[in-house]
Amino acid sequence: MSRDPDTLLTVRNLAVSFDTRQGLVAAVKGVDLTVRRGEVVCLVGESGSGKSVTGFSLMGLVDPPGRVTADELWFDGRDLMRASDREKDALRGKDISMVFQEPMTALNPGRTVGSQIAEVIRIHERTGREQAWNRAVDLLQRVGIREPAQRAKAYPHELSGGMRQRVMIAIACALTPKLIIADEPTTALDVTVQAQVLELLFALQAETGAAVLFITHDLGVVAEIADRVVVMQAGRVVEEGGVRQIFEQPRQAYTQALLAAVPDVDAPRDRARRLSRQPVLSAGGTP
């Protein structure tokens, strides 16, 4: 099948359901989604709209009793519906990576953060332990963590929330992925640290050219970062469009209600100008 080479991800009729004591519950119902290379797509909606489940299903992280089906699921020219588990494992963490909402549940509490970054590198590149460790330290420095050689030996509970999220970004970007799925990555952080983490993530995105599927309920953030917006309600996509169109001329009553609930949402600004405000990749000022 001929496919647009600029389209990185194509999803058609994605459905996710869960077996419960009350019967089958549909969390995602026939979602269509595309992400182009280098594009920032924001998946928005209130809690329970199905946006996080959508992201988890794309990473293959929906376990039984969850069921995931789709008519099409193409990534970088490959048909993931026909791919073997081994092929999917090779993609996950390398070409597709994820930044989770709460790093304390995503990171292994019994291992140092440096070893967890190094493990991702070794799994996909068959690198020696010392080389992988040195790259892990370099990545910690790159995401702005002070004294990275010492911090690499720390356990997750010994780091602040902002530092743990920087570790998650280091893991996600370790192998220069083509797509980063970010599931509400700043929800648990205070406003100042949230801004610093977002600056970091999108500076790295601009540097590597990765596409980002950013899952959030924060429309203020969406106005800052999105190229395109996909609005979900009750497991379905109800509206999508360019960020300016969604903010200035929303068509659906649900989208209008979401926007009305957010005071003083600024018009979308140029991301390059926003990212140039401060040097986010320096080792100073780590939250």
C-alpha atoms as a PDB file:
ATOM      1  CA  MET A   1       0.000   0.000   0.000  1.00  0.00           C
ATOM      2  CA  SER A   2       1.327   3.451  -0.925  1.00  0.00           C
ATOM      3  CA  ARG A   3       1.591   5.764   2.074  1.00  0.00           C
ATOM      4  CA  ASP A   4       2.475   9.406   2.575  1.00  0.00           C
ATOM      5  CA  PRO A   5       6.180   9.422   3.565  1.00  0.00           C
ATOM      6  CA  ASP A   6       5.625  12.528   5.727  1.00  0.00           C
ATOM      7  CA  THR A   7       3.046  10.734   7.876  1.00  0.00           C
ATOM      8  CA  LEU A   8       4.736   8.950  10.765  1.00  0.00           C
ATOM      9  CA  LEU A   9       1.714   7.447  12.544  1.00  0.00           C
ATOM     10  CA  THR A  10      -1.668   6.436  11.124  1.00  0.00           C
ATOM     11  CA  VAL A  11      -4.411   4.948  13.298  1.00  0.00           C
ATOM     12  CA  ARG A  12      -7.816   3.936  11.977  1.00  0.00           C
ATOM     13  CA  ASN A  13     -10.760   2.785  14.099  1.00  0.00           C
ATOM     14  CA  LEU A  14      -8.789   2.176  17.275  1.00  0.00           C
ATOM     15  CA  ALA A  15     -10.910   0.623  20.017  1.00  0.00           C
ATOM     16  CA  VAL A  16      -9.938  -0.316  23.569  1.00  0.00           C
ATOM     17  CA  SER A  17     -12.231  -2.133  25.972  1.00  0.00           C
ATOM     18  CA  PHE A  18     -11.908  -3.759  29.390  1.00  0.00           C
ATOM     19  CA  ASP A  19     -13.638  -6.778  30.888  1.00  0.00           C
ATOM     20  CA  THR A  20     -15.072  -5.867  34.272  1.00  0.00           C
ATOM     21  CA  ARG A  21     -17.488  -7.414  36.745  1.00  0.00           C
ATOM     22  CA  GLN A  22     -20.137  -5.122  35.309  1.00  0.00           C
ATOM     23  CA  GLY A  23     -19.423  -6.296  31.771  1.00  0.00           C
ATOM     24  CA  LEU A  24     -17.390  -4.979  28.848  1.00  0.00           C
ATOM     25  CA  VAL A  25     -16.476  -1.284  29.194  1.00  0.00           C
ATOM     26  CA  ALA A  26     -15.409   0.589  26.060  1.00  0.00           C
ATOM     27  CA  ALA A  27     -12.738   3.183  26.900  1.00  0.00           C
ATOM     28  CA  VAL A  28     -11.802   4.142  23.317  1.00  0.00           C
ATOM     29  CA  LYS A  29     -14.336   3.925  20.514  1.00  0.00           C
ATOM     30  CA  GLY A  30     -13.225   4.090  16.905  1.00  0.00           C
ATOM     31  CA  VAL A  31     -10.451   6.693  17.138  1.00  0.00           C
ATOM     32  CA  ASP A  32      -8.725   7.883  13.963  1.00  0.00           C
ATOM     33  CA  LEU A  33      -5.405   9.665  14.432  1.00  0.00           C
ATOM     34  CA  THR A  34      -2.448  10.790  12.337  1.00  0.00           C
ATOM     35  CA  VAL A  35       0.869  12.326  13.347  1.00  0.00           C
ATOM     36  CA  ARG A  36       3.264  13.751  10.774  1.00  0.00           C
ATOM     37  CA  ARG A  37       7.027  13.747  11.133  1.00  0.00           C
ATOM     38  CA  GLY A  38       8.221  16.490  13.465  1.00  0.00           C
ATOM     39  CA  GLU A  39       4.657  17.510  14.341  1.00  0.00           C
ATOM     40  CA  VAL A  40       3.334  18.242  17.838  1.00  0.00           C
ATOM     41  CA  VAL A  41      -0.185  16.856  18.181  1.00  0.00           C
ATOM     42  CA  CYS A  42      -2.025  17.518  21.445  1.00  0.00           C
ATOM     43  CA  LEU A  43      -4.646  14.992  22.492  1.00  0.00           C
ATOM     44  CA  VAL A  44      -6.982  16.812  24.868  1.00  0.00           C
ATOM     45  CA  GLY A  45     -10.094  16.121  26.892  1.00  0.00           C
ATOM     46  CA  GLU A  46     -11.348  15.876  30.445  1.00  0.00           C
ATOM     47  CA  SER A  47     -10.464  13.002  32.778  1.00  0.00           C
ATOM     48  CA  GLY A  48     -12.002   9.754  31.561  1.00  0.00           C
ATOM     49  CA  SER A  49     -12.168  10.854  27.922  1.00  0.00           C
ATOM     50  CA  GLY A  50      -9.883   8.018  26.803  1.00  0.00           C
ATOM     51  CA  LYS A  51      -6.846  10.061  25.847  1.00  0.00           C
ATOM     52  CA  SER A  52      -4.326   8.306  28.123  1.00  0.00           C
ATOM     53  CA  VAL A  53      -5.663   4.861  27.201  1.00  0.00           C
ATOM     54  CA  THR A  54      -5.162   5.819  23.555  1.00  0.00           C
ATOM     55  CA  GLY A  55      -1.520   6.666  24.237  1.00  0.00           C
ATOM     56  CA  PHE A  56      -0.936   3.473  26.217  1.00  0.00           C
ATOM     57  CA  SER A  57      -2.487   1.360  23.457  1.00  0.00           C
ATOM     58  CA  LEU A  58      -0.120   2.859  20.878  1.00  0.00           C
ATOM     59  CA  MET A  59       2.811   1.815  23.076  1.00  0.00           C
ATOM     60  CA  GLY A  60       1.398  -1.684  23.504  1.00  0.00           C
ATOM     61  CA  LEU A  61       0.974  -1.112  27.239  1.00  0.00           C
ATOM     62  CA  VAL A  62      -2.670  -2.153  27.606  1.00  0.00           C
ATOM     63  CA  ASP A  63      -2.575  -5.521  29.368  1.00  0.00           C
ATOM     64  CA  PRO A  64      -5.409  -8.027  29.874  1.00  0.00           C
ATOM     65  CA  PRO A  65      -8.243  -7.681  30.686  1.00  0.00           C
ATOM     66  CA  GLY A  66      -7.847  -4.852  28.186  1.00  0.00           C
ATOM     67  CA  ARG A  67      -8.497  -5.526  24.511  1.00  0.00           C
ATOM     68  CA  VAL A  68      -7.062  -3.384  21.705  1.00  0.00           C
ATOM     69  CA  THR A  69      -8.257  -3.550  18.094  1.00  0.00           C
ATOM     70  CA  ALA A  70      -7.733  -1.325  15.053  1.00  0.00           C
ATOM     71  CA  ASP A  71      -8.421  -1.462  11.345  1.00  0.00           C
ATOM     72  CA  GLU A  72      -5.019   0.132  10.677  1.00  0.00           C
ATOM     73  CA  LEU A  73      -2.002   0.924  12.793  1.00  0.00           C
ATOM     74  CA  TRP A  74       0.956   2.098  10.723  1.00  0.00           C
ATOM     75  CA  PHE A  75       4.164   3.544  12.092  1.00  0.00           C
ATOM     76  CA  ASP A  76       6.989   4.791   9.898  1.00  0.00           C
ATOM     77  CA  GLY A  77       5.783   2.715   6.966  1.00  0.00           C
ATOM     78  CA  ARG A  78       5.358  -0.476   9.009  1.00  0.00           C
ATOM     79  CA  ASP A  79       2.072  -2.267   9.611  1.00  0.00           C
ATOM     80  CA  LEU A  80       2.036  -2.823  13.373  1.00  0.00           C
ATOM     81  CA  MET A  81      -1.145  -4.884  13.186  1.00  0.00           C
ATOM     82  CA  ARG A  82       0.874  -7.558  11.378  1.00  0.00           C
ATOM     83  CA  ALA A  83       4.157  -7.045  13.218  1.00  0.00           C
ATOM     84  CA  SER A  84       5.466  -9.736  15.526  1.00  0.00           C
ATOM     85  CA  ASP A  85       5.909  -9.137  19.260  1.00  0.00           C
ATOM     86  CA  ARG A  86       9.661  -9.089  18.677  1.00  0.00           C
ATOM     87  CA  GLU A  87       9.334  -6.382  16.025  1.00  0.00           C
ATOM     88  CA  LYS A  88       7.123  -4.312  18.318  1.00  0.00           C
ATOM     89  CA  ASP A  89       9.569  -4.697  21.203  1.00  0.00           C
ATOM     90  CA  ALA A  90      12.356  -3.450  18.934  1.00  0.00           C
ATOM     91  CA  LEU A  91      10.346  -0.295  18.170  1.00  0.00           C
ATOM     92  CA  ARG A  92       9.222   0.395  21.739  1.00  0.00           C
ATOM     93  CA  GLY A  93      11.760   2.550  23.570  1.00  0.00           C
ATOM     94  CA  LYS A  94      13.841   3.135  20.450  1.00  0.00           C
ATOM     95  CA  ASP A  95      11.631   4.569  17.698  1.00  0.00           C
ATOM     96  CA  ILE A  96       8.590   5.174  19.920  1.00  0.00           C
ATOM     97  CA  SER A  97       9.125   6.293  23.507  1.00  0.00           C
ATOM     98  CA  MET A  98       6.907   7.537  26.314  1.00  0.00           C
ATOM     99  CA  VAL A  99       7.145  10.079  29.106  1.00  0.00           C
ATOM    100  CA  PHE A 100       4.753   9.050  31.863  1.00  0.00           C
ATOM    101  CA  GLN A 101       2.661  11.236  34.135  1.00  0.00           C
ATOM    102  CA  GLU A 102       4.141   9.962  37.388  1.00  0.00           C
ATOM    103  CA  PRO A 103       7.807   8.902  37.182  1.00  0.00           C
ATOM    104  CA  MET A 104       7.750   7.342  40.657  1.00  0.00           C
ATOM    105  CA  THR A 105       5.493   4.591  39.281  1.00  0.00           C
ATOM    106  CA  ALA A 106       7.323   4.357  35.951  1.00  0.00           C
ATOM    107  CA  LEU A 107      10.854   4.170  37.383  1.00  0.00           C
ATOM    108  CA  ASN A 108      12.093   1.108  39.244  1.00  0.00           C
ATOM    109  CA  PRO A 109      12.498   2.176  42.902  1.00  0.00           C
ATOM    110  CA  GLY A 110      15.132  -0.487  43.527  1.00  0.00           C
ATOM    111  CA  ARG A 111      17.576   0.583  40.816  1.00  0.00           C
ATOM    112  CA  THR A 112      19.633   3.722  40.304  1.00  0.00           C
ATOM    113  CA  VAL A 113      18.415   6.138  37.661  1.00  0.00           C
ATOM    114  CA  GLY A 114      21.683   5.793  35.757  1.00  0.00           C
ATOM    115  CA  SER A 115      21.292   2.030  35.488  1.00  0.00           C
ATOM    116  CA  GLN A 116      17.746   2.436  34.177  1.00  0.00           C
ATOM    117  CA  ILE A 117      18.859   4.808  31.425  1.00  0.00           C
ATOM    118  CA  ALA A 118      21.802   2.556  30.581  1.00  0.00           C
ATOM    119  CA  GLU A 119      19.516  -0.480  30.368  1.00  0.00           C
ATOM    120  CA  VAL A 120      17.445   1.122  27.599  1.00  0.00           C
ATOM    121  CA  ILE A 121      20.616   1.826  25.637  1.00  0.00           C
ATOM    122  CA  ARG A 122      21.994  -1.702  26.121  1.00  0.00           C
ATOM    123  CA  ILE A 123      18.735  -3.419  25.149  1.00  0.00           C
ATOM    124  CA  HIS A 124      18.516  -1.689  21.793  1.00  0.00           C
ATOM    125  CA  GLU A 125      22.139  -1.138  20.885  1.00  0.00           C
ATOM    126  CA  ARG A 126      23.939  -4.084  22.535  1.00  0.00           C
ATOM    127  CA  THR A 127      26.448  -1.673  24.041  1.00  0.00           C
ATOM    128  CA  GLY A 128      28.902  -2.556  26.805  1.00  0.00           C
ATOM    129  CA  ARG A 129      28.075  -1.663  30.396  1.00  0.00           C
ATOM    130  CA  GLU A 130      30.676   1.067  30.772  1.00  0.00           C
ATOM    131  CA  GLN A 131      29.810   2.757  27.498  1.00  0.00           C
ATOM    132  CA  ALA A 132      26.083   2.655  28.269  1.00  0.00           C
ATOM    133  CA  TRP A 133      26.719   4.067  31.761  1.00  0.00           C
ATOM    134  CA  ASN A 134      28.807   6.936  30.361  1.00  0.00           C
ATOM    135  CA  ARG A 135      26.049   7.745  27.888  1.00  0.00           C
ATOM    136  CA  ALA A 136      23.521   7.722  30.727  1.00  0.00           C
ATOM    137  CA  VAL A 137      25.608  10.277  32.621  1.00  0.00           C
ATOM    138  CA  ASP A 138      25.886  12.402  29.477  1.00  0.00           C
ATOM    139  CA  LEU A 139      22.105  12.266  29.052  1.00  0.00           C
ATOM    140  CA  LEU A 140      21.542  13.417  32.638  1.00  0.00           C
ATOM    141  CA  GLN A 141      23.814  16.363  31.979  1.00  0.00           C
ATOM    142  CA  ARG A 142      22.007  17.063  28.732  1.00  0.00           C
ATOM    143  CA  VAL A 143      18.646  17.311  30.483  1.00  0.00           C
ATOM    144  CA  GLY A 144      20.079  19.828  32.942  1.00  0.00           C
ATOM    145  CA  ILE A 145      20.761  17.737  36.045  1.00  0.00           C
ATOM    146  CA  ARG A 146      23.644  19.009  38.142  1.00  0.00           C
ATOM    147  CA  GLU A 147      26.495  16.675  39.088  1.00  0.00           C
ATOM    148  CA  PRO A 148      25.220  13.998  36.702  1.00  0.00           C
ATOM    149  CA  ALA A 149      27.871  11.412  37.614  1.00  0.00           C
ATOM    150  CA  GLN A 150      26.690  11.500  41.228  1.00  0.00           C
ATOM    151  CA  ARG A 151      22.985  11.767  40.411  1.00  0.00           C
ATOM    152  CA  ALA A 152      23.258   8.718  38.138  1.00  0.00           C
ATOM    153  CA  LYS A 153      23.970   6.670  41.276  1.00  0.00           C
ATOM    154  CA  ALA A 154      20.850   7.978  43.042  1.00  0.00           C
ATOM    155  CA  TYR A 155      17.580   6.082  43.444  1.00  0.00           C
ATOM    156  CA  PRO A 156      14.312   7.672  42.276  1.00  0.00           C
ATOM    157  CA  HIS A 157      13.136   8.516  45.800  1.00  0.00           C
ATOM    158  CA  GLU A 158      16.314  10.538  46.360  1.00  0.00           C
ATOM    159  CA  LEU A 159      15.424  12.975  43.570  1.00  0.00           C
ATOM    160  CA  SER A 160      12.849  15.772  43.426  1.00  0.00           C
ATOM    161  CA  GLY A 161       9.751  15.425  41.251  1.00  0.00           C
ATOM    162  CA  GLY A 162      11.192  17.728  38.611  1.00  0.00           C
ATOM    163  CA  MET A 163      14.463  15.798  38.531  1.00  0.00           C
ATOM    164  CA  ARG A 164      12.645  12.469  38.213  1.00  0.00           C
ATOM    165  CA  GLN A 165      10.711  13.817  35.260  1.00  0.00           C
ATOM    166  CA  ARG A 166      13.985  14.953  33.674  1.00  0.00           C
ATOM    167  CA  VAL A 167      15.234  11.384  34.100  1.00  0.00           C
ATOM    168  CA  MET A 168      12.118  10.148  32.289  1.00  0.00           C
ATOM    169  CA  ILE A 169      12.823  12.577  29.447  1.00  0.00           C
ATOM    170  CA  ALA A 170      16.441  11.348  29.322  1.00  0.00           C
ATOM    171  CA  ILE A 171      15.168   7.765  28.989  1.00  0.00           C
ATOM    172  CA  ALA A 172      12.634   8.768  26.338  1.00  0.00           C
ATOM    173  CA  CYS A 173      15.232  10.638  24.276  1.00  0.00           C
ATOM    174  CA  ALA A 174      18.159   8.257  24.837  1.00  0.00           C
ATOM    175  CA  LEU A 175      17.913   6.658  21.402  1.00  0.00           C
ATOM    176  CA  THR A 176      16.602   9.641  19.396  1.00  0.00           C
ATOM    177  CA  PRO A 177      13.059   8.322  18.861  1.00  0.00           C
ATOM    178  CA  LYS A 178      10.892   9.318  15.933  1.00  0.00           C
ATOM    179  CA  LEU A 179       7.791   9.669  18.129  1.00  0.00           C
ATOM    180  CA  ILE A 180       7.522  10.690  21.796  1.00  0.00           C
ATOM    181  CA  ILE A 181       4.213  10.064  23.551  1.00  0.00           C
ATOM    182  CA  ALA A 182       3.977  12.336  26.604  1.00  0.00           C
ATOM    183  CA  ASP A 183       1.122  11.461  28.960  1.00  0.00           C
ATOM    184  CA  GLU A 184       0.395  14.524  31.125  1.00  0.00           C
ATOM    185  CA  PRO A 185       4.109  14.711  32.031  1.00  0.00           C
ATOM    186  CA  THR A 186       3.866  17.831  34.204  1.00  0.00           C
ATOM    187  CA  THR A 187       0.581  17.301  36.056  1.00  0.00           C
ATOM    188  CA  ALA A 188       2.224  16.461  39.401  1.00  0.00           C
ATOM    189  CA  LEU A 189       4.699  19.369  39.290  1.00  0.00           C
ATOM    190  CA  ASP A 190       4.384  22.920  40.540  1.00  0.00           C
ATOM    191  CA  VAL A 191       3.973  25.667  37.962  1.00  0.00           C
ATOM    192  CA  THR A 192       7.605  26.790  37.866  1.00  0.00           C
ATOM    193  CA  VAL A 193       9.016  23.280  37.499  1.00  0.00           C
ATOM    194  CA  GLN A 194       6.279  22.445  34.987  1.00  0.00           C
ATOM    195  CA  ALA A 195       7.424  25.280  32.747  1.00  0.00           C
ATOM    196  CA  GLN A 196      11.072  24.198  32.981  1.00  0.00           C
ATOM    197  CA  VAL A 197      10.262  20.581  32.118  1.00  0.00           C
ATOM    198  CA  LEU A 198       8.145  21.628  29.144  1.00  0.00           C
ATOM    199  CA  GLU A 199      10.900  23.911  27.894  1.00  0.00           C
ATOM    200  CA  LEU A 200      13.337  21.027  28.124  1.00  0.00           C
ATOM    201  CA  LEU A 201      11.113  18.497  26.388  1.00  0.00           C
ATOM    202  CA  PHE A 202      10.378  20.739  23.444  1.00  0.00           C
ATOM    203  CA  ALA A 203      13.929  21.999  23.122  1.00  0.00           C
ATOM    204  CA  LEU A 204      14.977  18.360  22.739  1.00  0.00           C
ATOM    205  CA  GLN A 205      12.097  17.767  20.325  1.00  0.00           C
ATOM    206  CA  ALA A 206      13.206  20.696  18.186  1.00  0.00           C
ATOM    207  CA  GLU A 207      16.802  19.466  18.289  1.00  0.00           C
ATOM    208  CA  THR A 208      16.048  15.869  17.287  1.00  0.00           C
ATOM    209  CA  GLY A 209      13.096  16.461  14.949  1.00  0.00           C
ATOM    210  CA  ALA A 210      10.932  13.935  16.784  1.00  0.00           C
ATOM    211  CA  ALA A 211       7.169  14.085  16.538  1.00  0.00           C
ATOM    212  CA  VAL A 212       5.288  14.445  19.835  1.00  0.00           C
ATOM    213  CA  LEU A 213       1.853  13.171  20.805  1.00  0.00           C
ATOM    214  CA  PHE A 214       1.204  15.261  23.917  1.00  0.00           C
ATOM    215  CA  ILE A 215      -1.689  14.113  26.114  1.00  0.00           C
ATOM    216  CA  THR A 216      -3.073  16.787  28.411  1.00  0.00           C
ATOM    217  CA  HIS A 217      -6.129  18.470  29.863  1.00  0.00           C
ATOM    218  CA  ASP A 218      -4.263  21.798  30.168  1.00  0.00           C
ATOM    219  CA  LEU A 219      -5.365  24.000  27.295  1.00  0.00           C
ATOM    220  CA  GLY A 220      -2.940  26.717  28.329  1.00  0.00           C
ATOM    221  CA  VAL A 221      -0.096  24.313  27.547  1.00  0.00           C
ATOM    222  CA  VAL A 222      -1.813  23.290  24.299  1.00  0.00           C
ATOM    223  CA  ALA A 223      -1.896  26.916  23.144  1.00  0.00           C
ATOM    224  CA  GLU A 224       1.867  27.120  23.680  1.00  0.00           C
ATOM    225  CA  ILE A 225       3.088  23.924  22.035  1.00  0.00           C
ATOM    226  CA  ALA A 226       0.594  22.392  19.593  1.00  0.00           C
ATOM    227  CA  ASP A 227       0.689  22.308  15.829  1.00  0.00           C
ATOM    228  CA  ARG A 228      -2.570  20.385  15.743  1.00  0.00           C
ATOM    229  CA  VAL A 229      -5.188  19.521  18.378  1.00  0.00           C
ATOM    230  CA  VAL A 230      -7.339  16.392  18.682  1.00  0.00           C
ATOM    231  CA  VAL A 231     -10.255  16.691  21.132  1.00  0.00           C
ATOM    232  CA  MET A 232     -11.632  13.543  22.787  1.00  0.00           C
ATOM    233  CA  GLN A 233     -14.897  13.067  24.640  1.00  0.00           C
ATOM    234  CA  ALA A 234     -16.192   9.783  26.079  1.00  0.00           C
ATOM    235  CA  GLY A 235     -13.703   7.708  24.106  1.00  0.00           C
ATOM    236  CA  ARG A 236     -14.281   9.364  20.740  1.00  0.00           C
ATOM    237  CA  VAL A 237     -12.604  12.094  18.715  1.00  0.00           C
ATOM    238  CA  VAL A 238     -15.143  14.909  18.470  1.00  0.00           C
ATOM    239  CA  GLU A 239     -13.013  17.568  16.798  1.00  0.00           C
ATOM    240  CA  GLU A 240      -9.549  18.131  15.405  1.00  0.00           C
ATOM    241  CA  GLY A 241      -7.748  20.900  13.596  1.00  0.00           C
ATOM    242  CA  GLY A 242      -4.878  23.338  13.660  1.00  0.00           C
ATOM    243  CA  VAL A 243      -4.229  24.967  17.004  1.00  0.00           C
ATOM    244  CA  ARG A 244      -5.394  28.391  15.854  1.00  0.00           C
ATOM    245  CA  GLN A 245      -8.612  27.022  14.374  1.00  0.00           C
ATOM    246  CA  ILE A 246      -9.430  25.054  17.541  1.00  0.00           C
ATOM    247  CA  PHE A 247      -8.838  28.063  19.814  1.00  0.00           C
ATOM    248  CA  GLU A 248     -10.403  30.749  17.654  1.00  0.00           C
ATOM    249  CA  GLN A 249     -13.179  28.887  15.810  1.00  0.00           C
ATOM    250  CA  PRO A 250     -14.082  25.680  17.661  1.00  0.00           C
ATOM    251  CA  ARG A 251     -16.958  23.905  15.965  1.00  0.00           C
ATOM    252  CA  GLN A 252     -18.165  21.535  18.662  1.00  0.00           C
ATOM    253  CA  ALA A 253     -20.028  22.572  21.813  1.00  0.00           C
ATOM    254  CA  TYR A 254     -17.773  20.290  23.903  1.00  0.00           C
ATOM    255  CA  THR A 255     -14.617  22.035  22.651  1.00  0.00           C
ATOM    256  CA  GLN A 256     -16.221  25.415  23.285  1.00  0.00           C
ATOM    257  CA  ALA A 257     -17.029  24.329  26.852  1.00  0.00           C
ATOM    258  CA  LEU A 258     -13.441  23.190  27.458  1.00  0.00           C
ATOM    259  CA  LEU A 259     -12.121  26.546  26.266  1.00  0.00           C
ATOM    260  CA  ALA A 260     -14.673  28.490  28.284  1.00  0.00           C
ATOM    261  CA  ALA A 261     -13.522  26.715  31.450  1.00  0.00           C
ATOM    262  CA  VAL A 262      -9.970  28.055  31.085  1.00  0.00           C
ATOM    263  CA  PRO A 263      -9.463  31.738  31.988  1.00  0.00           C
ATOM    264  CA  ASP A 264      -7.279  33.910  29.775  1.00  0.00           C
ATOM    265  CA  VAL A 265      -5.956  31.315  27.370  1.00  0.00           C
ATOM    266  CA  ASP A 266      -3.475  33.194  25.209  1.00  0.00           C
ATOM    267  CA  ALA A 267      -3.539  32.918  21.443  1.00  0.00           C
ATOM    268  CA  PRO A 268      -0.977  30.407  20.161  1.00  0.00           C
ATOM    269  CA  ARG A 269       2.537  31.823  20.080  1.00  0.00           C
ATOM    270  CA  ASP A 270       5.502  30.922  17.966  1.00  0.00           C
ATOM    271  CA  ARG A 271       7.204  27.953  19.624  1.00  0.00           C
ATOM    272  CA  ALA A 272      10.687  28.910  18.465  1.00  0.00           C
ATOM    273  CA  ARG A 273      10.360  32.331  20.082  1.00  0.00           C
ATOM    274  CA  ARG A 274       9.072  30.769  23.298  1.00  0.00           C
ATOM    275  CA  LEU A 275      11.873  28.216  23.456  1.00  0.00           C
ATOM    276  CA  SER A 276      14.514  30.881  22.913  1.00  0.00           C
ATOM    277  CA  ARG A 277      13.699  32.670  26.167  1.00  0.00           C
ATOM    278  CA  GLN A 278      16.242  30.749  28.235  1.00  0.00           C
ATOM    279  CA  PRO A 279      18.972  28.118  27.792  1.00  0.00           C
ATOM    280  CA  VAL A 280      17.132  25.058  29.068  1.00  0.00           C
ATOM    281  CA  LEU A 281      19.873  22.543  28.302  1.00  0.00           C
ATOM    282  CA  SER A 282      22.422  24.014  30.678  1.00  0.00           C
ATOM    283  CA  ALA A 283      23.262  22.148  33.854  1.00  0.00           C
ATOM    284  CA  GLY A 284      22.205  25.012  36.101  1.00  0.00           C
ATOM    285  CA  GLY A 285      18.846  25.731  37.627  1.00  0.00           C
ATOM    286  CA  THR A 286      17.763  22.106  38.004  1.00  0.00           C
ATOM    287  CA  PRO A 287      14.432  21.899  39.827  1.00  0.00           C
END
